[in-house]
């Protein structure tokens, strides 16, 4: 499975909760984090995916997060 597919599945499972790139990378065992960032950016605008500054649902910190509406 590709990073993009894994991220889509994770976000669908957590929807509508937002998750930051660091937590996505740790949860999925992906490294480096920038690969997760690039994959998350590719998903913007389709299937209800969005990125914004918000509180992550898993880390409870204000960061750039991705979520599926």
PDB file of N, CA and C in Angstrom:
ATOM      1  N   UNK A   1       0.838  -1.189   0.000  1.00  0.00           N
ATOM      2  CA  UNK A   1       0.000   0.000   0.000  1.00  0.00           C
ATOM      3  C   UNK A   1       0.879   1.248   0.000  1.00  0.00           C
ATOM      4  N   UNK A   2       0.398   2.265  -0.652  1.00  0.00           N
ATOM      5  CA  UNK A   2       1.136   3.521  -0.710  1.00  0.00           C
ATOM      6  C   UNK A   2       0.860   4.361   0.534  1.00  0.00           C
ATOM      7  N   UNK A   3       1.735   5.320   0.773  1.00  0.00           N
ATOM      8  CA  UNK A   3       1.531   6.234   1.902  1.00  0.00           C
ATOM      9  C   UNK A   3       0.197   6.951   1.752  1.00  0.00           C
ATOM     10  N   UNK A   4      -0.126   7.361   0.539  1.00  0.00           N
ATOM     11  CA  UNK A   4      -1.375   8.075   0.287  1.00  0.00           C
ATOM     12  C   UNK A   4      -2.577   7.220   0.680  1.00  0.00           C
ATOM     13  N   UNK A   5      -2.567   5.968   0.281  1.00  0.00           N
ATOM     14  CA  UNK A   5      -3.680   5.066   0.600  1.00  0.00           C
ATOM     15  C   UNK A   5      -3.785   4.844   2.113  1.00  0.00           C
ATOM     16  N   UNK A   6      -2.648   4.646   2.773  1.00  0.00           N
ATOM     17  CA  UNK A   6      -2.647   4.450   4.229  1.00  0.00           C
ATOM     18  C   UNK A   6      -3.186   5.670   4.961  1.00  0.00           C
ATOM     19  N   UNK A   7      -2.799   6.850   4.506  1.00  0.00           N
ATOM     20  CA  UNK A   7      -3.263   8.088   5.134  1.00  0.00           C
ATOM     21  C   UNK A   7      -4.759   8.263   4.921  1.00  0.00           C
ATOM     22  N   UNK A   8      -5.240   7.983   3.717  1.00  0.00           N
ATOM     23  CA  UNK A   8      -6.681   8.077   3.442  1.00  0.00           C
ATOM     24  C   UNK A   8      -7.461   7.167   4.378  1.00  0.00           C
ATOM     25  N   UNK A   9      -6.990   5.945   4.569  1.00  0.00           N
ATOM     26  CA  UNK A   9      -7.675   5.002   5.456  1.00  0.00           C
ATOM     27  C   UNK A   9      -7.668   5.486   6.907  1.00  0.00           C
ATOM     28  N   UNK A  10      -6.534   5.988   7.360  1.00  0.00           N
ATOM     29  CA  UNK A  10      -6.435   6.494   8.732  1.00  0.00           C
ATOM     30  C   UNK A  10      -7.379   7.670   8.950  1.00  0.00           C
ATOM     31  N   UNK A  11      -7.395   8.616   8.026  1.00  0.00           N
ATOM     32  CA  UNK A  11      -8.259   9.792   8.169  1.00  0.00           C
ATOM     33  C   UNK A  11      -9.734   9.412   8.104  1.00  0.00           C
ATOM     34  N   UNK A  12     -10.080   8.453   7.260  1.00  0.00           N
ATOM     35  CA  UNK A  12     -11.470   7.993   7.180  1.00  0.00           C
ATOM     36  C   UNK A  12     -11.890   7.356   8.503  1.00  0.00           C
ATOM     37  N   UNK A  13     -10.979   6.599   9.108  1.00  0.00           N
ATOM     38  CA  UNK A  13     -11.274   5.946  10.384  1.00  0.00           C
ATOM     39  C   UNK A  13     -11.460   6.955  11.508  1.00  0.00           C
ATOM     40  N   UNK A  14     -10.696   8.048  11.477  1.00  0.00           N
ATOM     41  CA  UNK A  14     -10.751   9.053  12.544  1.00  0.00           C
ATOM     42  C   UNK A  14     -11.738  10.183  12.267  1.00  0.00           C
ATOM     43  N   UNK A  15     -12.318  10.209  11.071  1.00  0.00           N
ATOM     44  CA  UNK A  15     -13.207  11.311  10.661  1.00  0.00           C
ATOM     45  C   UNK A  15     -14.312  11.520  11.683  1.00  0.00           C
ATOM     46  N   UNK A  16     -14.640  12.778  11.958  1.00  0.00           N
ATOM     47  CA  UNK A  16     -14.094  14.007  11.386  1.00  0.00           C
ATOM     48  C   UNK A  16     -12.928  14.580  12.183  1.00  0.00           C
ATOM     49  N   UNK A  17     -12.321  13.788  13.063  1.00  0.00           N
ATOM     50  CA  UNK A  17     -11.217  14.283  13.888  1.00  0.00           C
ATOM     51  C   UNK A  17      -9.973  14.604  13.081  1.00  0.00           C
ATOM     52  N   UNK A  18      -9.347  15.746  13.355  1.00  0.00           N
ATOM     53  CA  UNK A  18      -8.124  16.123  12.646  1.00  0.00           C
ATOM     54  C   UNK A  18      -6.893  15.444  13.255  1.00  0.00           C
ATOM     55  N   UNK A  19      -5.863  15.207  12.445  1.00  0.00           N
ATOM     56  CA  UNK A  19      -4.632  14.582  12.917  1.00  0.00           C
ATOM     57  C   UNK A  19      -3.436  15.277  12.269  1.00  0.00           C
ATOM     58  N   UNK A  20      -2.401  15.533  13.059  1.00  0.00           N
ATOM     59  CA  UNK A  20      -1.212  16.230  12.544  1.00  0.00           C
ATOM     60  C   UNK A  20      -0.297  15.245  11.809  1.00  0.00           C
ATOM     61  N   UNK A  21       0.605  15.793  11.000  1.00  0.00           N
ATOM     62  CA  UNK A  21       1.523  14.975  10.206  1.00  0.00           C
ATOM     63  C   UNK A  21       2.420  14.108  11.086  1.00  0.00           C
ATOM     64  N   UNK A  22       2.901  14.676  12.197  1.00  0.00           N
ATOM     65  CA  UNK A  22       3.773  13.904  13.089  1.00  0.00           C
ATOM     66  C   UNK A  22       3.060  12.663  13.615  1.00  0.00           C
ATOM     67  N   UNK A  23       1.820  12.831  14.050  1.00  0.00           N
ATOM     68  CA  UNK A  23       1.064  11.705  14.600  1.00  0.00           C
ATOM     69  C   UNK A  23       0.716  10.699  13.501  1.00  0.00           C
ATOM     70  N   UNK A  24       0.395  11.194  12.296  1.00  0.00           N
ATOM     71  CA  UNK A  24       0.136  10.275  11.181  1.00  0.00           C
ATOM     72  C   UNK A  24       1.371   9.434  10.896  1.00  0.00           C
ATOM     73  N   UNK A  25       2.534  10.081  10.845  1.00  0.00           N
ATOM     74  CA  UNK A  25       3.784   9.371  10.549  1.00  0.00           C
ATOM     75  C   UNK A  25       4.064   8.312  11.614  1.00  0.00           C
ATOM     76  N   UNK A  26       3.890   8.668  12.883  1.00  0.00           N
ATOM     77  CA  UNK A  26       4.127   7.708  13.968  1.00  0.00           C
ATOM     78  C   UNK A  26       3.129   6.563  13.927  1.00  0.00           C
ATOM     79  N   UNK A  27       1.850   6.887  13.743  1.00  0.00           N
ATOM     80  CA  UNK A  27       0.802   5.871  13.733  1.00  0.00           C
ATOM     81  C   UNK A  27       0.993   4.882  12.591  1.00  0.00           C
ATOM     82  N   UNK A  28       1.401   5.390  11.433  1.00  0.00           N
ATOM     83  CA  UNK A  28       1.554   4.544  10.247  1.00  0.00           C
ATOM     84  C   UNK A  28       2.962   3.973  10.097  1.00  0.00           C
ATOM     85  N   UNK A  29       3.872   4.377  10.976  1.00  0.00           N
ATOM     86  CA  UNK A  29       5.245   3.893  10.875  1.00  0.00           C
ATOM     87  C   UNK A  29       5.963   4.405   9.641  1.00  0.00           C
ATOM     88  N   UNK A  30       5.604   5.626   9.210  1.00  0.00           N
ATOM     89  CA  UNK A  30       6.205   6.233   8.014  1.00  0.00           C
ATOM     90  C   UNK A  30       7.309   7.196   8.408  1.00  0.00           C
ATOM     91  N   UNK A  31       8.365   7.190   7.624  1.00  0.00           N
ATOM     92  CA  UNK A  31       9.461   8.112   7.856  1.00  0.00           C
ATOM     93  C   UNK A  31      10.055   8.480   6.507  1.00  0.00           C
ATOM     94  N   UNK A  32      10.506   9.653   6.288  1.00  0.00           N
ATOM     95  CA  UNK A  32      10.411  10.820   7.151  1.00  0.00           C
ATOM     96  C   UNK A  32       9.016  11.436   7.114  1.00  0.00           C
ATOM     97  N   UNK A  33       8.751  12.313   8.062  1.00  0.00           N
ATOM     98  CA  UNK A  33       7.442  12.949   8.179  1.00  0.00           C
ATOM     99  C   UNK A  33       7.079  13.731   6.930  1.00  0.00           C
ATOM    100  N   UNK A  34       8.073  14.274   6.217  1.00  0.00           N
ATOM    101  CA  UNK A  34       7.759  15.082   5.033  1.00  0.00           C
ATOM    102  C   UNK A  34       7.053  14.258   3.959  1.00  0.00           C
ATOM    103  N   UNK A  35       7.251  12.930   3.938  1.00  0.00           N
ATOM    104  CA  UNK A  35       6.508  12.089   2.996  1.00  0.00           C
ATOM    105  C   UNK A  35       5.018  12.113   3.316  1.00  0.00           C
ATOM    106  N   UNK A  36       4.697  12.126   4.599  1.00  0.00           N
ATOM    107  CA  UNK A  36       3.299  12.213   5.027  1.00  0.00           C
ATOM    108  C   UNK A  36       2.735  13.576   4.646  1.00  0.00           C
ATOM    109  N   UNK A  37       3.516  14.626   4.850  1.00  0.00           N
ATOM    110  CA  UNK A  37       3.094  15.980   4.493  1.00  0.00           C
ATOM    111  C   UNK A  37       2.769  16.066   3.002  1.00  0.00           C
ATOM    112  N   UNK A  38       3.624  15.542   2.157  1.00  0.00           N
ATOM    113  CA  UNK A  38       3.393  15.592   0.707  1.00  0.00           C
ATOM    114  C   UNK A  38       2.142  14.809   0.324  1.00  0.00           C
ATOM    115  N   UNK A  39       1.968  13.629   0.901  1.00  0.00           N
ATOM    116  CA  UNK A  39       0.793  12.817   0.595  1.00  0.00           C
ATOM    117  C   UNK A  39      -0.483  13.519   1.058  1.00  0.00           C
ATOM    118  N   UNK A  40      -0.451  14.125   2.244  1.00  0.00           N
ATOM    119  CA  UNK A  40      -1.626  14.833   2.760  1.00  0.00           C
ATOM    120  C   UNK A  40      -1.977  16.020   1.866  1.00  0.00           C
ATOM    121  N   UNK A  41      -0.975  16.722   1.373  1.00  0.00           N
ATOM    122  CA  UNK A  41      -1.221  17.861   0.476  1.00  0.00           C
ATOM    123  C   UNK A  41      -1.853  17.405  -0.839  1.00  0.00           C
ATOM    124  N   UNK A  42      -1.488  16.228  -1.319  1.00  0.00           N
ATOM    125  CA  UNK A  42      -2.063  15.691  -2.558  1.00  0.00           C
ATOM    126  C   UNK A  42      -3.564  15.441  -2.427  1.00  0.00           C
ATOM    127  N   UNK A  43      -4.033  15.170  -1.220  1.00  0.00           N
ATOM    128  CA  UNK A  43      -5.440  14.832  -1.005  1.00  0.00           C
ATOM    129  C   UNK A  43      -6.348  16.049  -0.875  1.00  0.00           C
ATOM    130  N   UNK A  44      -5.772  17.229  -0.735  1.00  0.00           N
ATOM    131  CA  UNK A  44      -6.575  18.433  -0.511  1.00  0.00           C
ATOM    132  C   UNK A  44      -7.622  18.632  -1.589  1.00  0.00           C
ATOM    133  N   UNK A  45      -8.822  18.983  -1.150  1.00  0.00           N
ATOM    134  CA  UNK A  45      -9.886  19.334  -2.071  1.00  0.00           C
ATOM    135  C   UNK A  45     -10.650  18.168  -2.663  1.00  0.00           C
ATOM    136  N   UNK A  46     -10.233  16.955  -2.407  1.00  0.00           N
ATOM    137  CA  UNK A  46     -10.996  15.829  -2.946  1.00  0.00           C
ATOM    138  C   UNK A  46     -11.510  14.959  -1.803  1.00  0.00           C
ATOM    139  N   UNK A  47     -12.650  14.399  -1.985  1.00  0.00           N
ATOM    140  CA  UNK A  47     -13.270  13.522  -0.993  1.00  0.00           C
ATOM    141  C   UNK A  47     -13.397  14.154   0.390  1.00  0.00           C
ATOM    142  N   UNK A  48     -13.496  15.486   0.430  1.00  0.00           N
ATOM    143  CA  UNK A  48     -13.709  16.178   1.691  1.00  0.00           C
ATOM    144  C   UNK A  48     -12.484  16.336   2.570  1.00  0.00           C
ATOM    145  N   UNK A  49     -11.277  16.153   2.037  1.00  0.00           N
ATOM    146  CA  UNK A  49     -10.057  16.327   2.825  1.00  0.00           C
ATOM    147  C   UNK A  49      -9.702  17.797   2.908  1.00  0.00           C
ATOM    148  N   UNK A  50      -9.270  18.232   4.085  1.00  0.00           N
ATOM    149  CA  UNK A  50      -8.848  19.619   4.270  1.00  0.00           C
ATOM    150  C   UNK A  50      -7.708  19.682   5.273  1.00  0.00           C
ATOM    151  N   UNK A  51      -6.891  20.737   5.146  1.00  0.00           N
ATOM    152  CA  UNK A  51      -5.783  20.986   6.074  1.00  0.00           C
ATOM    153  C   UNK A  51      -5.930  22.384   6.635  1.00  0.00           C
ATOM    154  N   UNK A  52      -5.634  22.517   7.919  1.00  0.00           N
ATOM    155  CA  UNK A  52      -5.699  23.826   8.571  1.00  0.00           C
ATOM    156  C   UNK A  52      -5.005  23.742   9.923  1.00  0.00           C
ATOM    157  N   UNK A  53      -4.768  24.904  10.532  1.00  0.00           N
ATOM    158  CA  UNK A  53      -4.247  24.959  11.904  1.00  0.00           C
ATOM    159  C   UNK A  53      -5.411  24.643  12.831  1.00  0.00           C
ATOM    160  N   UNK A  54      -5.235  23.633  13.675  1.00  0.00           N
ATOM    161  CA  UNK A  54      -6.293  23.225  14.590  1.00  0.00           C
ATOM    162  C   UNK A  54      -5.668  22.323  15.656  1.00  0.00           C
ATOM    163  N   UNK A  55      -6.467  21.915  16.605  1.00  0.00           N
ATOM    164  CA  UNK A  55      -6.012  21.004  17.646  1.00  0.00           C
ATOM    165  C   UNK A  55      -6.118  19.569  17.142  1.00  0.00           C
ATOM    166  N   UNK A  56      -5.013  18.846  17.192  1.00  0.00           N
ATOM    167  CA  UNK A  56      -5.009  17.445  16.766  1.00  0.00           C
ATOM    168  C   UNK A  56      -5.833  16.591  17.716  1.00  0.00           C
ATOM    169  N   UNK A  57      -6.606  15.669  17.160  1.00  0.00           N
ATOM    170  CA  UNK A  57      -7.476  14.841  17.994  1.00  0.00           C
ATOM    171  C   UNK A  57      -6.696  13.811  18.811  1.00  0.00           C
ATOM    172  N   UNK A  58      -5.485  13.472  18.397  1.00  0.00           N
ATOM    173  CA  UNK A  58      -4.693  12.488  19.135  1.00  0.00           C
ATOM    174  C   UNK A  58      -3.637  13.121  20.034  1.00  0.00           C
ATOM    175  N   UNK A  59      -3.081  14.261  19.624  1.00  0.00           N
ATOM    176  CA  UNK A  59      -2.007  14.885  20.407  1.00  0.00           C
ATOM    177  C   UNK A  59      -2.492  16.070  21.243  1.00  0.00           C
ATOM    178  N   UNK A  60      -3.674  16.594  20.938  1.00  0.00           N
ATOM    179  CA  UNK A  60      -4.264  17.734  21.650  1.00  0.00           C
ATOM    180  C   UNK A  60      -3.386  18.987  21.588  1.00  0.00           C
ATOM    181  N   UNK A  61      -2.560  19.100  20.542  1.00  0.00           N
ATOM    182  CA  UNK A  61      -1.724  20.282  20.334  1.00  0.00           C
ATOM    183  C   UNK A  61      -2.193  21.021  19.090  1.00  0.00           C
ATOM    184  N   UNK A  62      -2.010  22.347  19.092  1.00  0.00           N
ATOM    185  CA  UNK A  62      -2.383  23.140  17.924  1.00  0.00           C
ATOM    186  C   UNK A  62      -1.268  23.020  16.895  1.00  0.00           C
ATOM    187  N   UNK A  63      -1.625  22.467  15.742  1.00  0.00           N
ATOM    188  CA  UNK A  63      -0.674  22.224  14.656  1.00  0.00           C
ATOM    189  C   UNK A  63      -1.424  22.261  13.331  1.00  0.00           C
ATOM    190  N   UNK A  64      -0.676  22.120  12.248  1.00  0.00           N
ATOM    191  CA  UNK A  64      -1.288  21.938  10.943  1.00  0.00           C
ATOM    192  C   UNK A  64      -1.812  20.506  10.914  1.00  0.00           C
ATOM    193  N   UNK A  65      -3.108  20.355  10.717  1.00  0.00           N
ATOM    194  CA  UNK A  65      -3.740  19.035  10.756  1.00  0.00           C
ATOM    195  C   UNK A  65      -4.492  18.772   9.452  1.00  0.00           C
ATOM    196  N   UNK A  66      -4.779  17.510   9.226  1.00  0.00           N
ATOM    197  CA  UNK A  66      -5.564  17.083   8.074  1.00  0.00           C
ATOM    198  C   UNK A  66      -6.771  16.342   8.613  1.00  0.00           C
ATOM    199  N   UNK A  67      -7.902  16.510   7.942  1.00  0.00           N
ATOM    200  CA  UNK A  67      -9.095  15.761   8.346  1.00  0.00           C
ATOM    201  C   UNK A  67      -9.970  15.521   7.137  1.00  0.00           C
ATOM    202  N   UNK A  68     -10.877  14.580   7.280  1.00  0.00           N
ATOM    203  CA  UNK A  68     -11.882  14.328   6.255  1.00  0.00           C
ATOM    204  C   UNK A  68     -13.227  14.706   6.848  1.00  0.00           C
ATOM    205  N   UNK A  69     -13.931  15.599   6.147  1.00  0.00           N
ATOM    206  CA  UNK A  69     -15.228  16.054   6.662  1.00  0.00           C
ATOM    207  C   UNK A  69     -16.257  14.969   6.612  1.00  0.00           C
TER     208      UNK A  69
END
